[in-house]
């Protein structure tokens, strides 16, 4: 049953969907072929041109690369027109996209190729050296693209180094084909016979326990999530959305790329995060929807040269993965009337399962389950459902939930459980639901800090530390303690112009939180490590703190 605070104008059911991602793109193109689909450092690509390139690359994959229906294809690129074209071409060819983190090493790429069975890869030129060693044993063909080929000359914006240096060698190794050659294919692709229940994308989890696992998602589940979010945020043909979040990650893939394309929006792409380009891009293109990690927003607002005209047309600011600091949220609302619409999702759900209502968001809150989605809180040991307010593991059911992990039935059985005849996903996240049906994450099930038997939730400590005027960013982890078992350590990035030491910060914290929650150790750092989705990499800091 929908929440009593269900957003006005959002239907409780998504309704009829296209049969496939390929059909969804063709429907958009039929509506507005000459509208700008992609804006990339001064280059603008229309929907008609985008579809033409997708069709040519799909034909190349089928006729020259030997890609058949159901085959897996690695796509390893930064945010760029090439990534968008590659993703859409693979699904148009009836194959399955395996999105790859560009930071992966050759050994990691070998694992992904072997695990997924992918024999063809579409890659950015900066990654070519990591893929060549996989030829011909692991891979039979690599298509390499240079991002600079899509940039206007001269570029009206400062280019990231990875784009400036993106060139192909004069002589390509055996088994490597240039992107331009692949797009020169003139034969037509085979008819698109993809069905809703066919697989279309295999995003890999981060692999925090054991080797990374691929989540099996169908056209139907992927499209459901896209159209649900479109309805929630009110995407329309006037929408101009950012493509700043990495598109190999489900958030960037679904909210920006697929969400933007299938709504007929314009997607403003950024290959590498550059806070100083946010305002110029927003002003030039009239951005209306910004999908961002909270860290991005914090970074932009910390810039002394930020042009506040950038937010003139912005109507939706949304993100997730980490809570937005309350002080930053307050500034957004008071200065620009913007509410940060937090959401929640995971690779196993190909993005969102919860979103905050646009008219009634709650701070540092997951929101409510989206259309046709159910969530409960259970005891992680007994699996018994818990009452309102009790902390337990969040489980989720809905059309967007994965079929399971690729070739890993035992791991699938561990996270997929049945209750009352409904298949639920165990998220591994500890949370609670309030009396109004809003869900809150307390922390990851395995991130809890046990101090003398007292449970400390790092996210709660971090939210408190953010209130100190000298704290720009922070991350709380566990460290071993001979007397207490575990104790709390905080990594802190000081705010520019504010001097503070560990004794002062911990002294302040004692007045703000229970004694067992106060960090016993404080490390001041210049920056915090980031995950691929630009959230703070607490696991890395945890490993550093307790090797």
Protein backbone atom coordinates (compact mmCIF):
# COMPACT_ATOMS: atom_id res chain seq x y z
CA UNK A 1 0.00 0.00 0.00
CA UNK A 2 1.41 3.41 -0.94
CA UNK A 3 2.49 5.73 1.87
CA UNK A 4 -0.06 8.34 3.01
CA UNK A 5 2.56 10.83 1.85
CA UNK A 6 2.71 9.42 -1.65
CA UNK A 7 3.80 12.24 -4.01
CA UNK A 8 1.04 14.01 -5.90
CA UNK A 9 0.88 13.17 -9.58
CA UNK A 10 2.96 9.99 -9.33
CA UNK A 11 0.90 6.89 -10.18
CA UNK A 12 1.31 3.91 -7.82
CA UNK A 13 1.97 1.68 -10.84
CA UNK A 14 4.42 2.47 -13.62
CA UNK A 15 2.18 1.13 -16.36
CA UNK A 16 3.01 -0.39 -19.72
CA UNK A 17 6.68 -0.45 -20.67
CA UNK A 18 8.54 -0.82 -23.97
CA UNK A 19 9.61 -4.38 -24.73
CA UNK A 20 13.31 -3.59 -24.64
CA UNK A 21 15.86 -0.86 -24.07
CA UNK A 22 16.33 -0.68 -27.83
CA UNK A 23 12.62 -0.04 -28.39
CA UNK A 24 12.66 2.64 -25.67
CA UNK A 25 15.41 4.54 -27.48
CA UNK A 26 13.69 4.24 -30.86
CA UNK A 27 10.46 5.59 -29.40
CA UNK A 28 12.32 8.64 -28.10
CA UNK A 29 13.98 9.25 -31.45
CA UNK A 30 10.67 9.01 -33.26
CA UNK A 31 9.31 11.80 -31.04
CA UNK A 32 12.17 14.27 -31.35
CA UNK A 33 14.93 13.24 -33.75
CA UNK A 34 16.56 16.70 -33.91
CA UNK A 35 16.61 17.38 -30.18
CA UNK A 36 20.01 17.38 -28.48
CA UNK A 37 20.57 14.07 -26.71
CA UNK A 38 24.18 14.53 -25.53
CA UNK A 39 26.21 17.64 -24.75
CA UNK A 40 29.94 16.97 -24.36
CA UNK A 41 32.42 19.79 -23.81
CA UNK A 42 30.91 21.87 -26.62
CA UNK A 43 29.82 19.00 -28.88
CA UNK A 44 26.10 18.36 -29.29
CA UNK A 45 24.67 15.10 -30.65
CA UNK A 46 21.05 14.83 -31.73
CA UNK A 47 18.84 11.83 -31.06
CA UNK A 48 18.77 10.97 -34.76
CA UNK A 49 22.57 10.98 -34.93
CA UNK A 50 22.82 9.01 -31.70
CA UNK A 51 20.51 6.27 -32.99
CA UNK A 52 22.39 6.07 -36.29
CA UNK A 53 25.66 5.45 -34.44
CA UNK A 54 24.02 2.91 -32.13
CA UNK A 55 22.64 1.01 -35.12
CA UNK A 56 26.01 0.96 -36.92
CA UNK A 57 27.90 -0.26 -33.85
CA UNK A 58 25.24 -2.90 -33.18
CA UNK A 59 25.62 -4.12 -36.76
CA UNK A 60 29.40 -4.25 -36.36
CA UNK A 61 29.07 -6.30 -33.18
CA UNK A 62 26.72 -8.76 -34.87
CA UNK A 63 28.32 -9.09 -38.32
CA UNK A 64 32.04 -8.58 -37.64
CA UNK A 65 32.60 -9.21 -33.93
CA UNK A 66 30.47 -12.37 -33.83
CA UNK A 67 28.31 -11.15 -30.95
CA UNK A 68 25.14 -13.23 -30.71
CA UNK A 69 21.99 -12.81 -28.66
CA UNK A 70 22.70 -13.27 -24.96
CA UNK A 71 26.48 -12.85 -25.29
CA UNK A 72 28.14 -10.67 -22.70
CA UNK A 73 30.20 -7.64 -23.78
CA UNK A 74 32.53 -5.63 -21.52
CA UNK A 75 32.07 -1.85 -21.69
CA UNK A 76 34.98 -0.04 -20.02
CA UNK A 77 34.85 3.71 -20.64
CA UNK A 78 34.62 7.01 -18.84
CA UNK A 79 31.44 9.09 -19.15
CA UNK A 80 31.37 10.13 -22.80
CA UNK A 81 29.26 9.83 -25.95
CA UNK A 82 31.22 6.64 -26.61
CA UNK A 83 29.95 5.02 -23.40
CA UNK A 84 26.34 5.90 -24.19
CA UNK A 85 26.63 4.60 -27.76
CA UNK A 86 28.44 1.44 -26.63
CA UNK A 87 25.87 0.59 -23.96
CA UNK A 88 22.89 1.16 -26.25
CA UNK A 89 24.54 -0.72 -29.14
CA UNK A 90 25.24 -3.82 -27.06
CA UNK A 91 21.60 -4.12 -25.93
CA UNK A 92 20.43 -3.29 -29.49
CA UNK A 93 22.51 -6.25 -30.69
CA UNK A 94 20.62 -8.47 -28.25
CA UNK A 95 23.67 -8.88 -26.03
CA UNK A 96 24.28 -8.12 -22.35
CA UNK A 97 26.31 -5.15 -21.11
CA UNK A 98 28.95 -5.86 -18.47
CA UNK A 99 29.77 -2.32 -17.22
CA UNK A 100 33.37 -2.09 -16.04
CA UNK A 101 34.96 0.26 -13.53
CA UNK A 102 37.74 2.06 -15.47
CA UNK A 103 39.98 1.75 -12.41
CA UNK A 104 40.15 -2.04 -12.70
CA UNK A 105 43.53 -3.65 -13.25
CA UNK A 106 44.34 -6.23 -15.92
CA UNK A 107 43.99 -9.01 -13.35
CA UNK A 108 40.57 -7.74 -12.33
CA UNK A 109 39.54 -7.43 -15.97
CA UNK A 110 40.63 -11.01 -16.56
CA UNK A 111 38.37 -12.12 -13.73
CA UNK A 112 35.39 -10.18 -15.14
CA UNK A 113 35.93 -11.62 -18.60
CA UNK A 114 36.26 -15.16 -17.29
CA UNK A 115 33.35 -14.90 -14.86
CA UNK A 116 30.92 -13.31 -17.31
CA UNK A 117 32.16 -15.21 -20.37
CA UNK A 118 32.62 -11.95 -22.28
CA UNK A 119 34.85 -12.26 -25.35
CA UNK A 120 34.45 -8.73 -26.77
CA UNK A 121 35.24 -5.43 -25.08
CA UNK A 122 34.49 -1.78 -25.91
CA UNK A 123 37.09 0.38 -24.16
CA UNK A 124 38.48 3.88 -23.85
CA UNK A 125 41.95 4.44 -25.30
CA UNK A 126 43.44 5.13 -21.86
CA UNK A 127 42.55 1.55 -20.86
CA UNK A 128 43.84 -0.20 -23.97
CA UNK A 129 47.13 -1.30 -22.37
CA UNK A 130 45.16 -3.14 -19.67
CA UNK A 131 43.08 -5.07 -22.20
CA UNK A 132 45.71 -6.04 -24.76
CA UNK A 133 47.22 -8.74 -22.46
CA UNK A 134 43.81 -10.45 -22.48
CA UNK A 135 44.05 -11.03 -26.24
CA UNK A 136 43.51 -13.63 -27.61
CA UNK A 137 43.10 -16.04 -24.69
CA UNK A 138 40.44 -14.16 -22.74
CA UNK A 139 39.14 -11.79 -25.42
CA UNK A 140 38.83 -12.17 -29.16
CA UNK A 141 38.25 -8.50 -30.03
CA UNK A 142 38.70 -5.08 -28.43
CA UNK A 143 37.17 -1.89 -29.89
CA UNK A 144 39.10 1.17 -28.68
CA UNK A 145 37.74 4.74 -28.62
CA UNK A 146 39.43 8.12 -28.21
CA UNK A 147 37.25 10.58 -26.27
CA UNK A 148 38.94 13.60 -27.86
CA UNK A 149 37.40 12.64 -31.23
CA UNK A 150 34.02 13.88 -29.93
CA UNK A 151 35.25 17.22 -28.58
CA UNK A 152 34.69 20.50 -30.40
CA UNK A 153 37.80 22.28 -31.67
CA UNK A 154 38.71 24.51 -30.01
CA UNK A 155 36.87 23.28 -26.89
CA UNK A 156 34.90 25.95 -25.04
CA UNK A 157 35.66 24.29 -21.71
CA UNK A 158 38.72 23.04 -19.88
CA UNK A 159 39.20 19.39 -20.73
CA UNK A 160 40.26 16.74 -18.22
CA UNK A 161 43.66 15.20 -18.84
CA UNK A 162 42.13 11.84 -19.75
CA UNK A 163 40.27 13.48 -22.64
CA UNK A 164 43.20 15.60 -23.80
CA UNK A 165 45.45 12.54 -23.91
CA UNK A 166 42.85 10.26 -25.49
CA UNK A 167 44.42 9.16 -28.76
CA UNK A 168 44.90 5.80 -30.42
CA UNK A 169 48.33 4.59 -31.46
CA UNK A 170 49.12 4.77 -35.17
CA UNK A 171 49.40 0.99 -35.28
CA UNK A 172 46.92 -1.02 -33.27
CA UNK A 173 47.83 -4.41 -31.79
CA UNK A 174 46.29 -7.55 -33.33
CA UNK A 175 42.74 -8.03 -32.16
CA UNK A 176 42.12 -4.30 -31.62
CA UNK A 177 39.80 -2.28 -33.87
CA UNK A 178 39.46 1.50 -33.84
CA UNK A 179 36.10 2.97 -32.83
CA UNK A 180 35.91 4.87 -36.11
CA UNK A 181 36.26 1.63 -38.07
CA UNK A 182 33.50 -0.03 -36.07
CA UNK A 183 31.16 2.91 -36.69
CA UNK A 184 31.94 2.80 -40.40
CA UNK A 185 29.83 -0.38 -40.63
CA UNK A 186 27.17 0.12 -43.31
CA UNK A 187 25.17 -3.07 -43.06
CA UNK A 188 21.97 -3.00 -41.05
CA UNK A 189 21.73 -4.73 -37.70
CA UNK A 190 19.50 -7.75 -37.34
CA UNK A 191 15.91 -7.12 -36.24
CA UNK A 192 15.62 -6.30 -32.53
CA UNK A 193 13.95 -9.37 -31.04
CA UNK A 194 14.86 -8.73 -27.40
CA UNK A 195 12.13 -9.77 -25.00
CA UNK A 196 11.28 -8.19 -21.64
CA UNK A 197 12.63 -11.20 -19.75
CA UNK A 198 15.96 -11.29 -21.59
CA UNK A 199 19.07 -10.21 -19.70
CA UNK A 200 20.43 -6.80 -20.67
CA UNK A 201 22.99 -5.77 -18.02
CA UNK A 202 25.27 -7.47 -15.48
CA UNK A 203 26.61 -4.87 -13.04
CA UNK A 204 29.16 -6.27 -10.62
CA UNK A 205 28.96 -5.67 -6.90
CA UNK A 206 31.94 -4.23 -5.12
CA UNK A 207 33.02 -7.57 -3.77
CA UNK A 208 33.35 -6.58 -0.12
CA UNK A 209 33.13 -10.25 0.78
CA UNK A 210 34.75 -12.63 -1.65
CA UNK A 211 35.03 -12.03 -5.39
CA UNK A 212 32.74 -9.53 -7.15
CA UNK A 213 29.39 -10.92 -8.22
CA UNK A 214 27.35 -9.95 -11.27
CA UNK A 215 23.70 -9.01 -10.75
CA UNK A 216 21.38 -10.35 -13.45
CA UNK A 217 18.94 -7.73 -14.72
CA UNK A 218 16.37 -8.00 -17.49
CA UNK A 219 15.03 -5.43 -19.93
CA UNK A 220 11.76 -5.38 -17.96
CA UNK A 221 13.38 -4.78 -14.57
CA UNK A 222 15.79 -2.19 -15.91
CA UNK A 223 13.07 -0.28 -17.75
CA UNK A 224 10.76 -0.43 -14.75
CA UNK A 225 13.36 1.32 -12.63
CA UNK A 226 14.01 3.96 -15.30
CA UNK A 227 10.37 4.86 -15.84
CA UNK A 228 9.56 4.77 -12.14
CA UNK A 229 12.21 7.41 -11.48
CA UNK A 230 11.13 9.46 -14.49
CA UNK A 231 7.61 9.64 -13.05
CA UNK A 232 8.89 10.40 -9.56
CA UNK A 233 11.12 13.30 -10.61
CA UNK A 234 8.83 14.57 -13.36
CA UNK A 235 11.19 14.10 -16.29
CA UNK A 236 9.87 15.60 -19.51
CA UNK A 237 11.22 16.78 -22.85
CA UNK A 238 12.36 20.06 -21.28
CA UNK A 239 14.58 18.18 -18.85
CA UNK A 240 18.32 18.83 -18.97
CA UNK A 241 20.09 16.36 -16.71
CA UNK A 242 23.68 15.98 -15.61
CA UNK A 243 25.73 12.97 -16.60
CA UNK A 244 28.38 13.46 -13.91
CA UNK A 245 27.93 10.26 -11.89
CA UNK A 246 29.92 7.34 -13.37
CA UNK A 247 27.71 5.58 -15.88
CA UNK A 248 29.22 2.15 -15.29
CA UNK A 249 27.59 2.44 -11.85
CA UNK A 250 23.83 1.81 -11.69
CA UNK A 251 23.08 5.30 -10.37
CA UNK A 252 24.68 7.10 -13.31
CA UNK A 253 23.46 4.43 -15.72
CA UNK A 254 19.80 4.61 -14.72
CA UNK A 255 19.11 8.10 -13.38
CA UNK A 256 21.16 10.04 -15.95
CA UNK A 257 21.83 7.94 -19.05
CA UNK A 258 18.80 5.70 -19.46
CA UNK A 259 16.50 8.01 -17.52
CA UNK A 260 17.52 10.96 -19.67
CA UNK A 261 17.51 9.14 -23.01
CA UNK A 262 14.15 7.45 -22.67
CA UNK A 263 12.54 10.72 -21.58
CA UNK A 264 13.95 12.63 -24.56
CA UNK A 265 16.04 14.85 -22.29
CA UNK A 266 19.44 16.42 -22.91
CA UNK A 267 22.28 14.80 -20.96
CA UNK A 268 25.24 17.04 -20.09
CA UNK A 269 28.26 14.76 -19.81
CA UNK A 270 31.38 15.19 -17.69
CA UNK A 271 34.19 12.66 -18.12
CA UNK A 272 36.02 13.47 -14.90
CA UNK A 273 34.67 15.35 -11.93
CA UNK A 274 35.67 19.02 -12.01
CA UNK A 275 33.79 21.25 -9.60
CA UNK A 276 34.88 24.40 -11.43
CA UNK A 277 33.06 23.26 -14.58
CA UNK A 278 29.73 22.73 -12.85
CA UNK A 279 28.60 26.37 -13.02
CA UNK A 280 29.69 26.97 -16.66
CA UNK A 281 27.96 23.80 -17.83
CA UNK A 282 24.81 24.53 -15.84
CA UNK A 283 24.62 28.07 -17.23
CA UNK A 284 25.32 27.09 -20.85
CA UNK A 285 22.80 24.23 -20.99
CA UNK A 286 20.21 25.30 -18.43
CA UNK A 287 20.46 22.19 -16.26
CA UNK A 288 17.17 21.31 -14.55
CA UNK A 289 18.07 17.99 -12.87
CA UNK A 290 21.31 17.34 -11.03
CA UNK A 291 21.99 13.76 -9.97
CA UNK A 292 24.88 13.98 -7.52
CA UNK A 293 26.64 12.27 -4.69
CA UNK A 294 26.45 14.48 -1.58
CA UNK A 295 30.23 14.82 -1.77
CA UNK A 296 29.87 16.56 -5.14
CA UNK A 297 27.45 19.12 -3.72
CA UNK A 298 29.71 19.74 -0.73
CA UNK A 299 32.66 20.22 -3.09
CA UNK A 300 30.85 22.70 -5.35
CA UNK A 301 29.54 24.81 -2.49
CA UNK A 302 33.02 24.90 -0.95
CA UNK A 303 34.41 26.62 -4.06
CA UNK A 304 35.06 30.33 -3.45
CA UNK A 305 34.43 31.06 -7.15
CA UNK A 306 31.06 29.33 -7.51
CA UNK A 307 28.70 31.29 -9.77
CA UNK A 308 25.32 31.13 -8.05
CA UNK A 309 23.52 31.81 -11.35
CA UNK A 310 24.16 28.15 -12.13
CA UNK A 311 21.11 27.04 -10.17
CA UNK A 312 18.67 29.38 -11.93
CA UNK A 313 16.80 26.56 -13.72
CA UNK A 314 17.63 23.71 -11.34
CA UNK A 315 14.43 22.13 -10.00
CA UNK A 316 15.59 18.65 -8.90
CA UNK A 317 18.69 17.85 -6.87
CA UNK A 318 18.89 14.19 -6.01
CA UNK A 319 21.35 11.54 -4.95
CA UNK A 320 22.16 8.88 -2.44
CA UNK A 321 24.84 6.54 -1.22
CA UNK A 322 25.58 8.76 1.75
CA UNK A 323 23.57 11.25 3.82
CA UNK A 324 23.66 14.92 2.93
CA UNK A 325 25.15 16.92 5.83
CA UNK A 326 22.36 18.85 7.52
CA UNK A 327 24.24 22.15 7.33
CA UNK A 328 24.68 21.82 3.56
CA UNK A 329 21.02 20.88 3.10
CA UNK A 330 19.96 23.94 5.07
CA UNK A 331 22.07 26.24 2.89
CA UNK A 332 20.61 24.76 -0.30
CA UNK A 333 17.07 25.36 0.86
CA UNK A 334 17.58 28.81 2.34
CA UNK A 335 19.63 30.19 -0.57
CA UNK A 336 18.06 28.52 -3.61
CA UNK A 337 14.89 26.84 -2.35
CA UNK A 338 16.38 23.46 -3.25
CA UNK A 339 15.66 20.33 -1.28
CA UNK A 340 18.10 17.46 -1.66
CA UNK A 341 15.95 14.47 -2.60
CA UNK A 342 17.75 11.51 -1.12
CA UNK A 343 17.14 8.04 -2.40
CA UNK A 344 18.33 4.52 -1.88
CA UNK A 345 19.25 1.72 -4.20
CA UNK A 346 21.84 -0.90 -4.91
CA UNK A 347 23.31 -2.88 -7.79
CA UNK A 348 21.02 -5.80 -6.96
CA UNK A 349 18.04 -3.52 -7.69
CA UNK A 350 19.60 -1.79 -10.73
CA UNK A 351 19.32 1.50 -8.81
CA UNK A 352 16.41 2.89 -6.81
CA UNK A 353 14.09 1.11 -4.41
CA UNK A 354 13.29 4.14 -2.20
CA UNK A 355 12.98 7.85 -2.90
CA UNK A 356 11.87 10.81 -0.85
CA UNK A 357 8.65 12.49 -2.01
CA UNK A 358 9.53 15.73 -3.79
CA UNK A 359 7.02 17.73 -1.74
CA UNK A 360 7.85 16.17 1.63
CA UNK A 361 11.41 14.88 1.88
CA UNK A 362 13.03 14.05 5.17
CA UNK A 363 16.70 14.78 5.79
CA UNK A 364 19.20 11.94 5.89
CA UNK A 365 16.41 9.55 4.98
CA UNK A 366 16.04 6.88 2.29
CA UNK A 367 12.46 7.91 1.58
CA UNK A 368 9.56 5.57 0.92
CA UNK A 369 9.39 2.53 -1.36
CA UNK A 370 8.81 3.57 -4.98
CA UNK A 371 6.07 2.28 -7.28
CA UNK A 372 5.19 -1.44 -6.91
CA UNK A 373 7.97 -1.88 -4.34
CA UNK A 374 7.69 -3.28 -0.81
CA UNK A 375 10.20 -3.00 2.02
CA UNK A 376 10.32 -4.46 5.52
CA UNK A 377 12.69 -4.51 8.47
CA UNK A 378 13.63 -7.91 9.88
CA UNK A 379 15.83 -9.42 12.56
CA UNK A 380 18.93 -10.42 10.55
CA UNK A 381 19.38 -13.59 12.61
CA UNK A 382 15.83 -14.89 13.02
CA UNK A 383 14.34 -13.18 9.92
CA UNK A 384 11.31 -12.17 11.99
CA UNK A 385 9.68 -8.90 10.99
CA UNK A 386 10.34 -6.04 13.41
CA UNK A 387 7.97 -3.29 14.53
CA UNK A 388 8.08 0.40 13.62
CA UNK A 389 11.20 2.08 15.00
CA UNK A 390 13.18 -1.09 15.62
CA UNK A 391 16.58 -1.43 13.93
CA UNK A 392 17.07 -4.46 11.71
CA UNK A 393 17.97 -5.50 8.19
CA UNK A 394 16.03 -3.91 5.33
CA UNK A 395 14.59 -6.34 2.79
CA UNK A 396 12.99 -5.30 -0.49
CA UNK A 397 10.68 -6.78 -3.12
CA UNK A 398 9.78 -5.28 -6.49
CA UNK A 399 10.06 -5.62 -10.27
CA UNK A 400 13.58 -4.13 -10.22
CA UNK A 401 15.11 -6.82 -8.01
CA UNK A 402 17.72 -8.95 -9.79
CA UNK A 403 17.07 -12.51 -10.87
CA UNK A 404 20.14 -13.51 -8.86
CA UNK A 405 23.91 -13.49 -9.15
CA UNK A 406 25.40 -14.72 -12.43
CA UNK A 407 26.48 -18.37 -12.08
CA UNK A 408 26.35 -18.18 -8.29
CA UNK A 409 23.22 -19.98 -7.09
CA UNK A 410 24.44 -20.38 -3.51
CA UNK A 411 25.18 -16.66 -3.13
CA UNK A 412 21.81 -15.89 -4.72
CA UNK A 413 20.03 -18.13 -2.23
CA UNK A 414 21.73 -16.31 0.66
CA UNK A 415 20.35 -12.89 -0.29
CA UNK A 416 16.99 -13.84 -1.82
CA UNK A 417 14.37 -15.06 0.66
CA UNK A 418 10.65 -15.69 0.40
CA UNK A 419 8.06 -14.24 2.75
CA UNK A 420 4.33 -14.67 2.30
CA UNK A 421 4.89 -15.94 -1.23
CA UNK A 422 6.91 -12.86 -2.21
CA UNK A 423 10.60 -12.91 -3.14
CA UNK A 424 12.62 -10.39 -1.11
CA UNK A 425 16.20 -9.20 -1.39
CA UNK A 426 18.29 -8.98 1.75
CA UNK A 427 20.14 -5.67 1.43
CA UNK A 428 22.71 -6.11 4.19
CA UNK A 429 21.78 -2.61 5.38
CA UNK A 430 20.62 -1.97 8.92
CA UNK A 431 17.76 0.47 9.18
CA UNK A 432 14.38 1.32 10.57
CA UNK A 433 11.02 2.57 9.37
CA UNK A 434 9.18 5.38 11.14
CA UNK A 435 5.47 5.70 11.84
CA UNK A 436 4.97 7.54 8.52
CA UNK A 437 6.53 4.79 6.39
CA UNK A 438 9.86 6.54 5.77
CA UNK A 439 12.96 4.36 5.91
CA UNK A 440 16.29 5.27 7.48
CA UNK A 441 19.62 3.46 7.19
CA UNK A 442 21.53 3.13 10.40
CA UNK A 443 24.52 1.49 8.75
CA UNK A 444 25.82 -1.47 6.87
CA UNK A 445 25.22 -4.71 8.71
CA UNK A 446 28.96 -5.36 8.85
CA UNK A 447 30.02 -1.76 9.59
CA UNK A 448 28.63 -1.58 13.12
CA UNK A 449 31.23 -0.79 15.81
CA UNK A 450 30.95 -2.79 19.04
CA UNK A 451 32.36 -0.78 21.96
CA UNK A 452 32.18 -2.87 25.14
CA UNK A 453 28.89 -4.29 23.91
CA UNK A 454 27.48 -0.90 23.00
CA UNK A 455 26.60 -0.57 19.33
CA UNK A 456 27.94 2.48 17.54
CA UNK A 457 26.60 3.36 14.10
CA UNK A 458 29.29 5.28 12.16
CA UNK A 459 26.74 7.25 10.14
CA UNK A 460 25.27 8.66 13.34
CA UNK A 461 28.71 9.79 14.56
CA UNK A 462 29.51 11.33 11.19
CA UNK A 463 26.26 13.30 11.16
CA UNK A 464 27.17 14.77 14.55
CA UNK A 465 30.75 15.64 13.57
CA UNK A 466 29.46 17.42 10.46
CA UNK A 467 27.81 19.94 12.75
CA UNK A 468 31.19 21.22 13.91
CA UNK A 469 32.06 24.35 11.90
CA UNK A 470 35.64 23.17 11.28
CA UNK A 471 34.63 19.83 9.73
CA UNK A 472 34.22 19.78 5.95
CA UNK A 473 34.14 16.00 5.56
CA UNK A 474 34.56 13.03 7.85
CA UNK A 475 34.43 9.27 7.97
CA UNK A 476 34.14 7.10 11.08
CA UNK A 477 35.54 3.57 11.28
CA UNK A 478 36.31 0.93 13.87
CA UNK A 479 39.75 0.28 15.32
CA UNK A 480 40.77 -2.57 17.59
CA UNK A 481 41.09 -1.77 21.28
CA UNK A 482 42.63 -4.10 23.87
CA UNK A 483 40.15 -3.08 26.57
CA UNK A 484 36.99 -2.13 24.68
CA UNK A 485 37.23 -4.65 21.83
CA UNK A 486 36.66 -1.90 19.32
CA UNK A 487 36.70 1.85 19.52
CA UNK A 488 35.93 4.75 17.21
CA UNK A 489 38.30 6.52 14.86
CA UNK A 490 37.42 9.59 12.79
CA UNK A 491 39.17 10.69 9.60
CA UNK A 492 38.51 14.42 9.22
CA UNK A 493 39.04 16.93 6.40
CA UNK A 494 39.21 20.36 8.06
CA UNK A 495 37.29 23.24 6.53
CA UNK A 496 39.51 25.82 4.88
CA UNK A 497 40.35 28.67 7.22
CA UNK A 498 39.44 26.77 10.39
CA UNK A 499 42.12 25.56 12.77
CA UNK A 500 41.33 22.62 15.02
CA UNK A 501 43.13 19.80 16.78
CA UNK A 502 42.07 16.36 17.95
CA UNK A 503 41.67 17.34 21.59
CA UNK A 504 39.39 20.23 20.72
CA UNK A 505 37.22 18.12 18.40
CA UNK A 506 36.85 15.22 20.83
CA UNK A 507 36.13 17.64 23.65
CA UNK A 508 33.33 19.17 21.61
CA UNK A 509 32.04 15.73 20.66
CA UNK A 510 31.69 14.70 24.30
CA UNK A 511 29.02 17.34 24.59
CA UNK A 512 27.17 16.11 21.52
CA UNK A 513 27.11 12.32 21.79
CA UNK A 514 27.32 9.49 24.31
CA UNK A 515 30.82 8.90 25.65
CA UNK A 516 31.22 5.50 23.98
CA UNK A 517 30.49 7.11 20.59
CA UNK A 518 33.16 9.80 20.88
CA UNK A 519 36.17 9.12 18.63
CA UNK A 520 39.18 7.98 20.64
CA UNK A 521 41.39 8.65 17.64
CA UNK A 522 41.22 11.50 15.12
CA UNK A 523 43.27 11.70 11.93
CA UNK A 524 43.26 14.95 9.97
CA UNK A 525 43.68 14.38 6.23
CA UNK A 526 43.64 16.52 3.09
CA UNK A 527 40.95 14.39 1.43
CA UNK A 528 39.00 11.17 1.84
CA UNK A 529 39.28 8.30 -0.64
CA UNK A 530 36.36 7.84 -3.01
CA UNK A 531 34.58 4.83 -4.45
CA UNK A 532 33.75 4.59 -8.14
CA UNK A 533 30.39 6.24 -7.42
CA UNK A 534 32.20 9.17 -5.71
CA UNK A 535 31.10 8.26 -2.21
CA UNK A 536 33.57 8.07 0.65
CA UNK A 537 35.40 4.72 0.58
CA UNK A 538 34.99 3.81 4.24
CA UNK A 539 36.16 0.26 3.60
CA UNK A 540 39.58 1.51 2.53
CA UNK A 541 39.83 3.71 5.61
CA UNK A 542 38.70 0.79 7.75
CA UNK A 543 41.49 -1.34 6.32
CA UNK A 544 44.03 1.43 6.98
CA UNK A 545 42.84 1.89 10.55
CA UNK A 546 42.82 -1.81 11.46
CA UNK A 547 45.25 -3.62 9.18
